[in-house]
Amino acid sequence: LVVDAHNVGLNLVPEALDERARLVMGSPRPLAMMEGVDRAVDA
């Protein structure tokens, strides 16, 4: 899971992102720069 964490999260080029990744972009993001983190994250 990739989080676009700069400013409002519209910086990464989605069509150029490695297709194996899922992208969190835009806002609001309740956990801000760590949106998507939970106990299931291993690293």
PDB file of all heavy atoms in Angstrom:
ATOM      1  N   LEU A   1       0.857  -1.180   0.000  1.00  0.00           N
ATOM      2  CA  LEU A   1       0.000   0.000   0.000  1.00  0.00           C
ATOM      3  C   LEU A   1       0.890   1.226   0.000  1.00  0.00           C
ATOM      4  O   LEU A   1       1.756   1.378   0.866  1.00  0.00           O
ATOM      5  CB  LEU A   1      -0.904   0.004   1.234  1.00  0.00           C
ATOM      6  CG  LEU A   1      -1.878   1.167   1.356  1.00  0.00           C
ATOM      7  CD1 LEU A   1      -2.904   1.135   0.207  1.00  0.00           C
ATOM      8  CD2 LEU A   1      -2.583   1.134   2.700  1.00  0.00           C
ATOM      9  N   VAL A   2       0.706   2.107  -0.978  1.00  0.00           N
ATOM     10  CA  VAL A   2       1.490   3.333  -1.097  1.00  0.00           C
ATOM     11  C   VAL A   2       0.602   4.515  -0.720  1.00  0.00           C
ATOM     12  O   VAL A   2      -0.507   4.652  -1.243  1.00  0.00           O
ATOM     13  CB  VAL A   2       2.025   3.508  -2.536  1.00  0.00           C
ATOM     14  CG1 VAL A   2       2.654   4.886  -2.712  1.00  0.00           C
ATOM     15  CG2 VAL A   2       3.023   2.414  -2.869  1.00  0.00           C
ATOM     16  N   VAL A   3       1.106   5.368   0.163  1.00  0.00           N
ATOM     17  CA  VAL A   3       0.391   6.571   0.572  1.00  0.00           C
ATOM     18  C   VAL A   3       1.097   7.781  -0.011  1.00  0.00           C
ATOM     19  O   VAL A   3       2.273   8.017   0.256  1.00  0.00           O
ATOM     20  CB  VAL A   3       0.332   6.707   2.112  1.00  0.00           C
ATOM     21  CG1 VAL A   3      -0.423   7.969   2.509  1.00  0.00           C
ATOM     22  CG2 VAL A   3      -0.295   5.478   2.737  1.00  0.00           C
ATOM     23  N   ASP A   4       0.393   8.557  -0.824  1.00  0.00           N
ATOM     24  CA  ASP A   4       0.904   9.824  -1.340  1.00  0.00           C
ATOM     25  C   ASP A   4       0.704  10.835  -0.212  1.00  0.00           C
ATOM     26  O   ASP A   4      -0.395  11.325   0.015  1.00  0.00           O
ATOM     27  CB  ASP A   4       0.128  10.234  -2.595  1.00  0.00           C
ATOM     28  CG  ASP A   4       0.697  11.462  -3.265  1.00  0.00           C
ATOM     29  OD1 ASP A   4       1.347  12.292  -2.582  1.00  0.00           O
ATOM     30  OD2 ASP A   4       0.482  11.616  -4.474  1.00  0.00           O
ATOM     31  N   ALA A   5       1.771  11.116   0.523  1.00  0.00           N
ATOM     32  CA  ALA A   5       1.654  11.866   1.774  1.00  0.00           C
ATOM     33  C   ALA A   5       2.020  13.341   1.669  1.00  0.00           C
ATOM     34  O   ALA A   5       1.955  14.054   2.664  1.00  0.00           O
ATOM     35  CB  ALA A   5       2.514  11.198   2.839  1.00  0.00           C
ATOM     36  N   HIS A   6       2.415  13.826   0.519  1.00  0.00           N
ATOM     37  CA  HIS A   6       2.762  15.243   0.391  1.00  0.00           C
ATOM     38  C   HIS A   6       1.511  16.081   0.170  1.00  0.00           C
ATOM     39  O   HIS A   6       0.674  15.756  -0.682  1.00  0.00           O
ATOM     40  CB  HIS A   6       3.735  15.451  -0.779  1.00  0.00           C
ATOM     41  CG  HIS A   6       4.104  16.883  -1.000  1.00  0.00           C
ATOM     42  ND1 HIS A   6       4.848  17.594  -0.093  1.00  0.00           N
ATOM     43  CD2 HIS A   6       3.811  17.733  -2.017  1.00  0.00           C
ATOM     44  CE1 HIS A   6       5.010  18.832  -0.550  1.00  0.00           C
ATOM     45  NE2 HIS A   6       4.393  18.943  -1.711  1.00  0.00           N
ATOM     46  N   ASN A   7       1.392  17.138   0.956  1.00  0.00           N
ATOM     47  CA  ASN A   7       0.305  18.104   0.813  1.00  0.00           C
ATOM     48  C   ASN A   7      -1.041  17.376   0.827  1.00  0.00           C
ATOM     49  O   ASN A   7      -1.342  16.678   1.783  1.00  0.00           O
ATOM     50  CB  ASN A   7       0.527  18.948  -0.446  1.00  0.00           C
ATOM     51  CG  ASN A   7      -0.255  20.248  -0.450  1.00  0.00           C
ATOM     52  OD1 ASN A   7      -1.153  20.449   0.356  1.00  0.00           O
ATOM     53  ND2 ASN A   7       0.083  21.129  -1.357  1.00  0.00           N
ATOM     54  N   VAL A   8      -1.863  17.515  -0.204  1.00  0.00           N
ATOM     55  CA  VAL A   8      -3.188  16.885  -0.218  1.00  0.00           C
ATOM     56  C   VAL A   8      -3.179  15.511  -0.890  1.00  0.00           C
ATOM     57  O   VAL A   8      -4.223  14.934  -1.140  1.00  0.00           O
ATOM     58  CB  VAL A   8      -4.259  17.793  -0.870  1.00  0.00           C
ATOM     59  CG1 VAL A   8      -4.437  19.076  -0.079  1.00  0.00           C
ATOM     60  CG2 VAL A   8      -3.923  18.080  -2.314  1.00  0.00           C
ATOM     61  N   GLY A   9      -1.999  14.986  -1.189  1.00  0.00           N
ATOM     62  CA  GLY A   9      -1.897  13.624  -1.708  1.00  0.00           C
ATOM     63  C   GLY A   9      -2.202  13.464  -3.179  1.00  0.00           C
ATOM     64  O   GLY A   9      -2.740  12.442  -3.591  1.00  0.00           O
ATOM     65  N   LEU A  10      -1.815  14.447  -3.983  1.00  0.00           N
ATOM     66  CA  LEU A  10      -2.041  14.377  -5.433  1.00  0.00           C
ATOM     67  C   LEU A  10      -0.729  14.600  -6.181  1.00  0.00           C
ATOM     68  O   LEU A  10      -0.645  15.409  -7.100  1.00  0.00           O
ATOM     69  CB  LEU A  10      -3.082  15.418  -5.866  1.00  0.00           C
ATOM     70  CG  LEU A  10      -4.463  15.270  -5.241  1.00  0.00           C
ATOM     71  CD1 LEU A  10      -5.354  16.435  -5.628  1.00  0.00           C
ATOM     72  CD2 LEU A  10      -5.094  13.948  -5.637  1.00  0.00           C
ATOM     73  N   ASN A  11       0.300  13.873  -5.797  1.00  0.00           N
ATOM     74  CA  ASN A  11       1.636  14.115  -6.324  1.00  0.00           C
ATOM     75  C   ASN A  11       2.197  12.963  -7.139  1.00  0.00           C
ATOM     76  O   ASN A  11       2.816  13.191  -8.172  1.00  0.00           O
ATOM     77  CB  ASN A  11       2.588  14.423  -5.166  1.00  0.00           C
ATOM     78  CG  ASN A  11       2.024  15.509  -4.285  1.00  0.00           C
ATOM     79  OD1 ASN A  11       2.112  16.675  -4.600  1.00  0.00           O
ATOM     80  ND2 ASN A  11       1.393  15.122  -3.184  1.00  0.00           N
ATOM     81  N   LEU A  12       2.026  11.734  -6.675  1.00  0.00           N
ATOM     82  CA  LEU A  12       2.503  10.584  -7.430  1.00  0.00           C
ATOM     83  C   LEU A  12       1.760  10.510  -8.760  1.00  0.00           C
ATOM     84  O   LEU A  12       0.618  10.947  -8.862  1.00  0.00           O
ATOM     85  CB  LEU A  12       2.286   9.298  -6.640  1.00  0.00           C
ATOM     86  CG  LEU A  12       3.174   9.149  -5.404  1.00  0.00           C
ATOM     87  CD1 LEU A  12       2.685   8.004  -4.529  1.00  0.00           C
ATOM     88  CD2 LEU A  12       4.622   8.944  -5.810  1.00  0.00           C
ATOM     89  N   VAL A  13       2.419   9.973  -9.749  1.00  0.00           N
ATOM     90  CA  VAL A  13       1.806   9.813 -11.069  1.00  0.00           C
ATOM     91  C   VAL A  13       1.169   8.422 -11.089  1.00  0.00           C
ATOM     92  O   VAL A  13       1.876   7.419 -11.242  1.00  0.00           O
ATOM     93  CB  VAL A  13       2.851   9.969 -12.194  1.00  0.00           C
ATOM     94  CG1 VAL A  13       2.192   9.838 -13.558  1.00  0.00           C
ATOM     95  CG2 VAL A  13       3.598  11.297 -12.063  1.00  0.00           C
ATOM     96  N   PRO A  14      -0.153   8.325 -10.899  1.00  0.00           N
ATOM     97  CA  PRO A  14      -0.797   7.014 -10.727  1.00  0.00           C
ATOM     98  C   PRO A  14      -0.533   6.043 -11.866  1.00  0.00           C
ATOM     99  O   PRO A  14      -0.270   4.862 -11.621  1.00  0.00           O
ATOM    100  CB  PRO A  14      -2.288   7.348 -10.632  1.00  0.00           C
ATOM    101  CG  PRO A  14      -2.339   8.766 -10.217  1.00  0.00           C
ATOM    102  CD  PRO A  14      -1.111   9.416 -10.792  1.00  0.00           C
ATOM    103  N   GLU A  15      -0.570   6.512 -13.093  1.00  0.00           N
ATOM    104  CA  GLU A  15      -0.384   5.603 -14.231  1.00  0.00           C
ATOM    105  C   GLU A  15       1.056   5.108 -14.359  1.00  0.00           C
ATOM    106  O   GLU A  15       1.318   4.150 -15.087  1.00  0.00           O
ATOM    107  CB  GLU A  15      -0.856   6.240 -15.542  1.00  0.00           C
ATOM    108  CG  GLU A  15      -0.114   7.486 -15.937  1.00  0.00           C
ATOM    109  CD  GLU A  15      -0.676   8.778 -15.347  1.00  0.00           C
ATOM    110  OE1 GLU A  15      -1.482   8.731 -14.407  1.00  0.00           O
ATOM    111  OE2 GLU A  15      -0.280   9.848 -15.841  1.00  0.00           O
ATOM    112  N   ALA A  16       1.989   5.743 -13.648  1.00  0.00           N
ATOM    113  CA  ALA A  16       3.384   5.318 -13.687  1.00  0.00           C
ATOM    114  C   ALA A  16       3.772   4.494 -12.451  1.00  0.00           C
ATOM    115  O   ALA A  16       4.889   4.003 -12.368  1.00  0.00           O
ATOM    116  CB  ALA A  16       4.300   6.536 -13.808  1.00  0.00           C
ATOM    117  N   LEU A  17       2.834   4.333 -11.523  1.00  0.00           N
ATOM    118  CA  LEU A  17       3.113   3.576 -10.309  1.00  0.00           C
ATOM    119  C   LEU A  17       3.155   2.080 -10.617  1.00  0.00           C
ATOM    120  O   LEU A  17       2.347   1.577 -11.403  1.00  0.00           O
ATOM    121  CB  LEU A  17       2.034   3.856  -9.263  1.00  0.00           C
ATOM    122  CG  LEU A  17       2.287   3.285  -7.864  1.00  0.00           C
ATOM    123  CD1 LEU A  17       3.495   3.949  -7.219  1.00  0.00           C
ATOM    124  CD2 LEU A  17       1.057   3.480  -6.993  1.00  0.00           C
ATOM    125  N   ASP A  18       4.089   1.388 -10.009  1.00  0.00           N
ATOM    126  CA  ASP A  18       4.211  -0.069 -10.167  1.00  0.00           C
ATOM    127  C   ASP A  18       2.835  -0.701  -9.939  1.00  0.00           C
ATOM    128  O   ASP A  18       2.183  -0.444  -8.926  1.00  0.00           O
ATOM    129  CB  ASP A  18       5.230  -0.591  -9.151  1.00  0.00           C
ATOM    130  CG  ASP A  18       5.585  -2.051  -9.342  1.00  0.00           C
ATOM    131  OD1 ASP A  18       4.667  -2.898  -9.372  1.00  0.00           O
ATOM    132  OD2 ASP A  18       6.790  -2.349  -9.436  1.00  0.00           O
ATOM    133  N   GLU A  19       2.407  -1.528 -10.854  1.00  0.00           N
ATOM    134  CA  GLU A  19       1.053  -2.098 -10.819  1.00  0.00           C
ATOM    135  C   GLU A  19       0.826  -3.048  -9.649  1.00  0.00           C
ATOM    136  O   GLU A  19      -0.314  -3.388  -9.336  1.00  0.00           O
ATOM    137  CB  GLU A  19       0.731  -2.804 -12.130  1.00  0.00           C
ATOM    138  CG  GLU A  19       1.617  -3.974 -12.428  1.00  0.00           C
ATOM    139  CD  GLU A  19       1.376  -4.571 -13.808  1.00  0.00           C
ATOM    140  OE1 GLU A  19       0.851  -3.882 -14.692  1.00  0.00           O
ATOM    141  OE2 GLU A  19       1.725  -5.749 -13.982  1.00  0.00           O
ATOM    142  N   ARG A  20       1.878  -3.447  -8.963  1.00  0.00           N
ATOM    143  CA  ARG A  20       1.722  -4.327  -7.802  1.00  0.00           C
ATOM    144  C   ARG A  20       1.292  -3.570  -6.554  1.00  0.00           C
ATOM    145  O   ARG A  20       0.934  -4.178  -5.551  1.00  0.00           O
ATOM    146  CB  ARG A  20       3.029  -5.076  -7.529  1.00  0.00           C
ATOM    147  CG  ARG A  20       3.403  -6.031  -8.663  1.00  0.00           C
ATOM    148  CD  ARG A  20       4.767  -6.615  -8.471  1.00  0.00           C
ATOM    149  NE  ARG A  20       5.787  -5.578  -8.676  1.00  0.00           N
ATOM    150  CZ  ARG A  20       7.095  -5.794  -8.649  1.00  0.00           C
ATOM    151  NH1 ARG A  20       7.546  -7.014  -8.402  1.00  0.00           N
ATOM    152  NH2 ARG A  20       7.947  -4.814  -8.862  1.00  0.00           N
ATOM    153  N   ALA A  21       1.325  -2.246  -6.615  1.00  0.00           N
ATOM    154  CA  ALA A  21       0.989  -1.429  -5.447  1.00  0.00           C
ATOM    155  C   ALA A  21      -0.436  -0.895  -5.545  1.00  0.00           C
ATOM    156  O   ALA A  21      -0.953  -0.647  -6.630  1.00  0.00           O
ATOM    157  CB  ALA A  21       1.967  -0.262  -5.345  1.00  0.00           C
ATOM    158  N   ARG A  22      -1.048  -0.719  -4.386  1.00  0.00           N
ATOM    159  CA  ARG A  22      -2.320  -0.009  -4.277  1.00  0.00           C
ATOM    160  C   ARG A  22      -1.992   1.393  -3.787  1.00  0.00           C
ATOM    161  O   ARG A  22      -1.075   1.578  -2.998  1.00  0.00           O
ATOM    162  CB  ARG A  22      -3.254  -0.704  -3.285  1.00  0.00           C
ATOM    163  CG  ARG A  22      -3.652  -2.095  -3.742  1.00  0.00           C
ATOM    164  CD  ARG A  22      -4.586  -2.789  -2.741  1.00  0.00           C
ATOM    165  NE  ARG A  22      -3.922  -3.009  -1.458  1.00  0.00           N
ATOM    166  CZ  ARG A  22      -4.378  -2.581  -0.281  1.00  0.00           C
ATOM    167  NH1 ARG A  22      -5.510  -1.890  -0.196  1.00  0.00           N
ATOM    168  NH2 ARG A  22      -3.715  -2.832   0.832  1.00  0.00           N
ATOM    169  N   LEU A  23      -2.729   2.396  -4.250  1.00  0.00           N
ATOM    170  CA  LEU A  23      -2.402   3.793  -3.956  1.00  0.00           C
ATOM    171  C   LEU A  23      -3.493   4.470  -3.148  1.00  0.00           C
ATOM    172  O   LEU A  23      -4.672   4.404  -3.506  1.00  0.00           O
ATOM    173  CB  LEU A  23      -2.194   4.556  -5.278  1.00  0.00           C
ATOM    174  CG  LEU A  23      -1.920   6.052  -5.190  1.00  0.00           C
ATOM    175  CD1 LEU A  23      -0.655   6.350  -4.391  1.00  0.00           C
ATOM    176  CD2 LEU A  23      -1.824   6.641  -6.606  1.00  0.00           C
ATOM    177  N   VAL A  24      -3.084   5.131  -2.068  1.00  0.00           N
ATOM    178  CA  VAL A  24      -3.953   6.018  -1.298  1.00  0.00           C
ATOM    179  C   VAL A  24      -3.547   7.425  -1.681  1.00  0.00           C
ATOM    180  O   VAL A  24      -2.398   7.824  -1.495  1.00  0.00           O
ATOM    181  CB  VAL A  24      -3.775   5.825   0.229  1.00  0.00           C
ATOM    182  CG1 VAL A  24      -4.591   6.857   0.986  1.00  0.00           C
ATOM    183  CG2 VAL A  24      -4.169   4.418   0.635  1.00  0.00           C
ATOM    184  N   MET A  25      -4.488   8.166  -2.265  1.00  0.00           N
ATOM    185  CA  MET A  25      -4.179   9.534  -2.666  1.00  0.00           C
ATOM    186  C   MET A  25      -5.354  10.437  -2.322  1.00  0.00           C
ATOM    187  O   MET A  25      -6.446   9.964  -2.009  1.00  0.00           O
ATOM    188  CB  MET A  25      -3.856   9.608  -4.153  1.00  0.00           C
ATOM    189  CG  MET A  25      -4.964   9.144  -5.074  1.00  0.00           C
ATOM    190  SD  MET A  25      -4.497   9.056  -6.824  1.00  0.00           S
ATOM    191  CE  MET A  25      -4.009  10.717  -7.182  1.00  0.00           C
ATOM    192  N   GLY A  26      -5.139  11.736  -2.402  1.00  0.00           N
ATOM    193  CA  GLY A  26      -6.187  12.697  -2.104  1.00  0.00           C
ATOM    194  C   GLY A  26      -6.358  12.903  -0.614  1.00  0.00           C
ATOM    195  O   GLY A  26      -5.589  12.425   0.202  1.00  0.00           O
ATOM    196  N   SER A  27      -7.378  13.656  -0.278  1.00  0.00           N
ATOM    197  CA  SER A  27      -7.668  13.941   1.116  1.00  0.00           C
ATOM    198  C   SER A  27      -9.172  14.161   1.256  1.00  0.00           C
ATOM    199  O   SER A  27      -9.855  14.361   0.245  1.00  0.00           O
ATOM    200  CB  SER A  27      -6.881  15.164   1.590  1.00  0.00           C
ATOM    201  OG  SER A  27      -7.238  16.292   0.837  1.00  0.00           O
ATOM    202  N   PRO A  28      -9.713  14.081   2.437  1.00  0.00           N
ATOM    203  CA  PRO A  28      -8.988  13.957   3.709  1.00  0.00           C
ATOM    204  C   PRO A  28      -8.499  12.534   3.939  1.00  0.00           C
ATOM    205  O   PRO A  28      -9.040  11.577   3.392  1.00  0.00           O
ATOM    206  CB  PRO A  28     -10.042  14.326   4.752  1.00  0.00           C
ATOM    207  CG  PRO A  28     -11.338  13.931   4.124  1.00  0.00           C
ATOM    208  CD  PRO A  28     -11.167  14.170   2.631  1.00  0.00           C
ATOM    209  N   ARG A  29      -7.464  12.455   4.749  1.00  0.00           N
ATOM    210  CA  ARG A  29      -6.911  11.178   5.175  1.00  0.00           C
ATOM    211  C   ARG A  29      -6.882  11.218   6.699  1.00  0.00           C
ATOM    212  O   ARG A  29      -6.055  11.921   7.283  1.00  0.00           O
ATOM    213  CB  ARG A  29      -5.499  10.980   4.627  1.00  0.00           C
ATOM    214  CG  ARG A  29      -5.433  10.878   3.114  1.00  0.00           C
ATOM    215  CD  ARG A  29      -3.983  10.849   2.651  1.00  0.00           C
ATOM    216  NE  ARG A  29      -3.266  11.990   3.192  1.00  0.00           N
ATOM    217  CZ  ARG A  29      -2.542  12.839   2.466  1.00  0.00           C
ATOM    218  NH1 ARG A  29      -2.407  12.655   1.199  1.00  0.00           N
ATOM    219  NH2 ARG A  29      -1.924  13.847   3.026  1.00  0.00           N
ATOM    220  N   PRO A  30      -7.766  10.502   7.358  1.00  0.00           N
ATOM    221  CA  PRO A  30      -7.839  10.581   8.823  1.00  0.00           C
ATOM    222  C   PRO A  30      -6.498  10.334   9.524  1.00  0.00           C
ATOM    223  O   PRO A  30      -6.220  10.952  10.553  1.00  0.00           O
ATOM    224  CB  PRO A  30      -8.865   9.511   9.194  1.00  0.00           C
ATOM    225  CG  PRO A  30      -9.735   9.416   7.981  1.00  0.00           C
ATOM    226  CD  PRO A  30      -8.808   9.641   6.809  1.00  0.00           C
ATOM    227  N   LEU A  31      -5.663   9.470   8.978  1.00  0.00           N
ATOM    228  CA  LEU A  31      -4.360   9.206   9.594  1.00  0.00           C
ATOM    229  C   LEU A  31      -3.238   9.960   8.879  1.00  0.00           C
ATOM    230  O   LEU A  31      -2.053   9.634   9.052  1.00  0.00           O
ATOM    231  CB  LEU A  31      -4.077   7.704   9.614  1.00  0.00           C
ATOM    232  CG  LEU A  31      -5.038   6.883  10.474  1.00  0.00           C
ATOM    233  CD1 LEU A  31      -4.730   5.391  10.368  1.00  0.00           C
ATOM    234  CD2 LEU A  31      -5.000   7.338  11.929  1.00  0.00           C
ATOM    235  N   ALA A  32      -3.621  10.939   8.063  1.00  0.00           N
ATOM    236  CA  ALA A  32      -2.667  11.813   7.378  1.00  0.00           C
ATOM    237  C   ALA A  32      -1.605  11.008   6.626  1.00  0.00           C
ATOM    238  O   ALA A  32      -1.948  10.211   5.762  1.00  0.00           O
ATOM    239  CB  ALA A  32      -2.040  12.801   8.358  1.00  0.00           C
ATOM    240  N   MET A  33      -0.348  11.214   6.962  1.00  0.00           N
ATOM    241  CA  MET A  33       0.757  10.601   6.231  1.00  0.00           C
ATOM    242  C   MET A  33       0.860   9.089   6.453  1.00  0.00           C
ATOM    243  O   MET A  33       1.577   8.404   5.732  1.00  0.00           O
ATOM    244  CB  MET A  33       2.071  11.279   6.625  1.00  0.00           C
ATOM    245  CG  MET A  33       2.063  12.769   6.274  1.00  0.00           C
ATOM    246  SD  MET A  33       3.481  13.637   6.913  1.00  0.00           S
ATOM    247  CE  MET A  33       4.453  13.742   5.406  1.00  0.00           C
ATOM    248  N   MET A  34       0.130   8.575   7.420  1.00  0.00           N
ATOM    249  CA  MET A  34       0.160   7.149   7.739  1.00  0.00           C
ATOM    250  C   MET A  34      -1.170   6.466   7.439  1.00  0.00           C
ATOM    251  O   MET A  34      -1.458   5.393   7.971  1.00  0.00           O
ATOM    252  CB  MET A  34       0.540   6.940   9.205  1.00  0.00           C
ATOM    253  CG  MET A  34       1.968   7.337   9.526  1.00  0.00           C
ATOM    254  SD  MET A  34       3.204   6.387   8.601  1.00  0.00           S
ATOM    255  CE  MET A  34       2.985   4.758   9.297  1.00  0.00           C
ATOM    256  N   GLU A  35      -1.971   7.057   6.582  1.00  0.00           N
ATOM    257  CA  GLU A  35      -3.264   6.471   6.225  1.00  0.00           C
ATOM    258  C   GLU A  35      -3.065   5.035   5.750  1.00  0.00           C
ATOM    259  O   GLU A  35      -2.205   4.761   4.924  1.00  0.00           O
ATOM    260  CB  GLU A  35      -3.948   7.292   5.134  1.00  0.00           C
ATOM    261  CG  GLU A  35      -5.333   6.821   4.800  1.00  0.00           C
ATOM    262  CD  GLU A  35      -6.310   6.928   5.951  1.00  0.00           C
ATOM    263  OE1 GLU A  35      -6.192   7.879   6.757  1.00  0.00           O
ATOM    264  OE2 GLU A  35      -7.178   6.062   6.062  1.00  0.00           O
ATOM    265  N   GLY A  36      -3.847   4.127   6.308  1.00  0.00           N
ATOM    266  CA  GLY A  36      -3.750   2.727   5.926  1.00  0.00           C
ATOM    267  C   GLY A  36      -2.973   1.872   6.899  1.00  0.00           C
ATOM    268  O   GLY A  36      -3.014   0.645   6.813  1.00  0.00           O
ATOM    269  N   VAL A  37      -2.262   2.488   7.833  1.00  0.00           N
ATOM    270  CA  VAL A  37      -1.517   1.698   8.801  1.00  0.00           C
ATOM    271  C   VAL A  37      -2.502   1.050   9.779  1.00  0.00           C
ATOM    272  O   VAL A  37      -3.493   1.646  10.170  1.00  0.00           O
ATOM    273  CB  VAL A  37      -0.460   2.541   9.556  1.00  0.00           C
ATOM    274  CG1 VAL A  37      -1.082   3.518  10.534  1.00  0.00           C
ATOM    275  CG2 VAL A  37       0.552   1.640  10.241  1.00  0.00           C
ATOM    276  N   ASP A  38      -2.238  -0.197  10.074  1.00  0.00           N
ATOM    277  CA  ASP A  38      -3.017  -0.912  11.077  1.00  0.00           C
ATOM    278  C   ASP A  38      -2.179  -2.088  11.557  1.00  0.00           C
ATOM    279  O   ASP A  38      -1.020  -2.251  11.152  1.00  0.00           O
ATOM    280  CB  ASP A  38      -4.381  -1.361  10.534  1.00  0.00           C
ATOM    281  CG  ASP A  38      -4.289  -2.281   9.330  1.00  0.00           C
ATOM    282  OD1 ASP A  38      -3.262  -2.980   9.155  1.00  0.00           O
ATOM    283  OD2 ASP A  38      -5.255  -2.321   8.558  1.00  0.00           O
ATOM    284  N   ARG A  39      -2.745  -2.916  12.404  1.00  0.00           N
ATOM    285  CA  ARG A  39      -1.989  -4.036  12.987  1.00  0.00           C
ATOM    286  C   ARG A  39      -1.595  -5.089  11.954  1.00  0.00           C
ATOM    287  O   ARG A  39      -0.717  -5.909  12.209  1.00  0.00           O
ATOM    288  CB  ARG A  39      -2.779  -4.670  14.114  1.00  0.00           C
ATOM    289  CG  ARG A  39      -2.928  -3.748  15.299  1.00  0.00           C
ATOM    290  CD  ARG A  39      -3.655  -4.450  16.442  1.00  0.00           C
ATOM    291  NE  ARG A  39      -3.905  -3.547  17.535  1.00  0.00           N
ATOM    292  CZ  ARG A  39      -3.082  -3.368  18.558  1.00  0.00           C
ATOM    293  NH1 ARG A  39      -1.949  -4.023  18.603  1.00  0.00           N
ATOM    294  NH2 ARG A  39      -3.393  -2.524  19.522  1.00  0.00           N
ATOM    295  N   ALA A  40      -2.220  -5.074  10.786  1.00  0.00           N
ATOM    296  CA  ALA A  40      -1.886  -6.054   9.751  1.00  0.00           C
ATOM    297  C   ALA A  40      -0.636  -5.680   8.960  1.00  0.00           C
ATOM    298  O   ALA A  40      -0.121  -6.489   8.198  1.00  0.00           O
ATOM    299  CB  ALA A  40      -3.065  -6.233   8.796  1.00  0.00           C
ATOM    300  N   VAL A  41      -0.144  -4.461   9.120  1.00  0.00           N
ATOM    301  CA  VAL A  41       1.063  -4.019   8.414  1.00  0.00           C
ATOM    302  C   VAL A  41       2.286  -4.649   9.073  1.00  0.00           C
ATOM    303  O   VAL A  41       2.491  -4.512  10.276  1.00  0.00           O
ATOM    304  CB  VAL A  41       1.165  -2.473   8.411  1.00  0.00           C
ATOM    305  CG1 VAL A  41       2.517  -2.014   7.889  1.00  0.00           C
ATOM    306  CG2 VAL A  41       0.040  -1.877   7.585  1.00  0.00           C
ATOM    307  N   ASP A  42       3.065  -5.333   8.268  1.00  0.00           N
ATOM    308  CA  ASP A  42       4.274  -5.994   8.772  1.00  0.00           C
ATOM    309  C   ASP A  42       5.500  -5.093   8.728  1.00  0.00           C
ATOM    310  O   ASP A  42       6.438  -5.286   9.506  1.00  0.00           O
ATOM    311  CB  ASP A  42       4.553  -7.258   7.947  1.00  0.00           C
ATOM    312  CG  ASP A  42       3.437  -8.272   8.070  1.00  0.00           C
ATOM    313  OD1 ASP A  42       3.198  -8.749   9.194  1.00  0.00           O
ATOM    314  OD2 ASP A  42       2.791  -8.583   7.049  1.00  0.00           O
ATOM    315  N   ALA A  43       5.511  -4.153   7.800  1.00  0.00           N
ATOM    316  CA  ALA A  43       6.656  -3.261   7.668  1.00  0.00           C
ATOM    317  C   ALA A  43       6.192  -1.942   7.074  1.00  0.00           C
ATOM    318  O   ALA A  43       5.248  -1.897   6.290  1.00  0.00           O
ATOM    319  CB  ALA A  43       7.713  -3.889   6.766  1.00  0.00           C
TER     320      ALA A  43
END
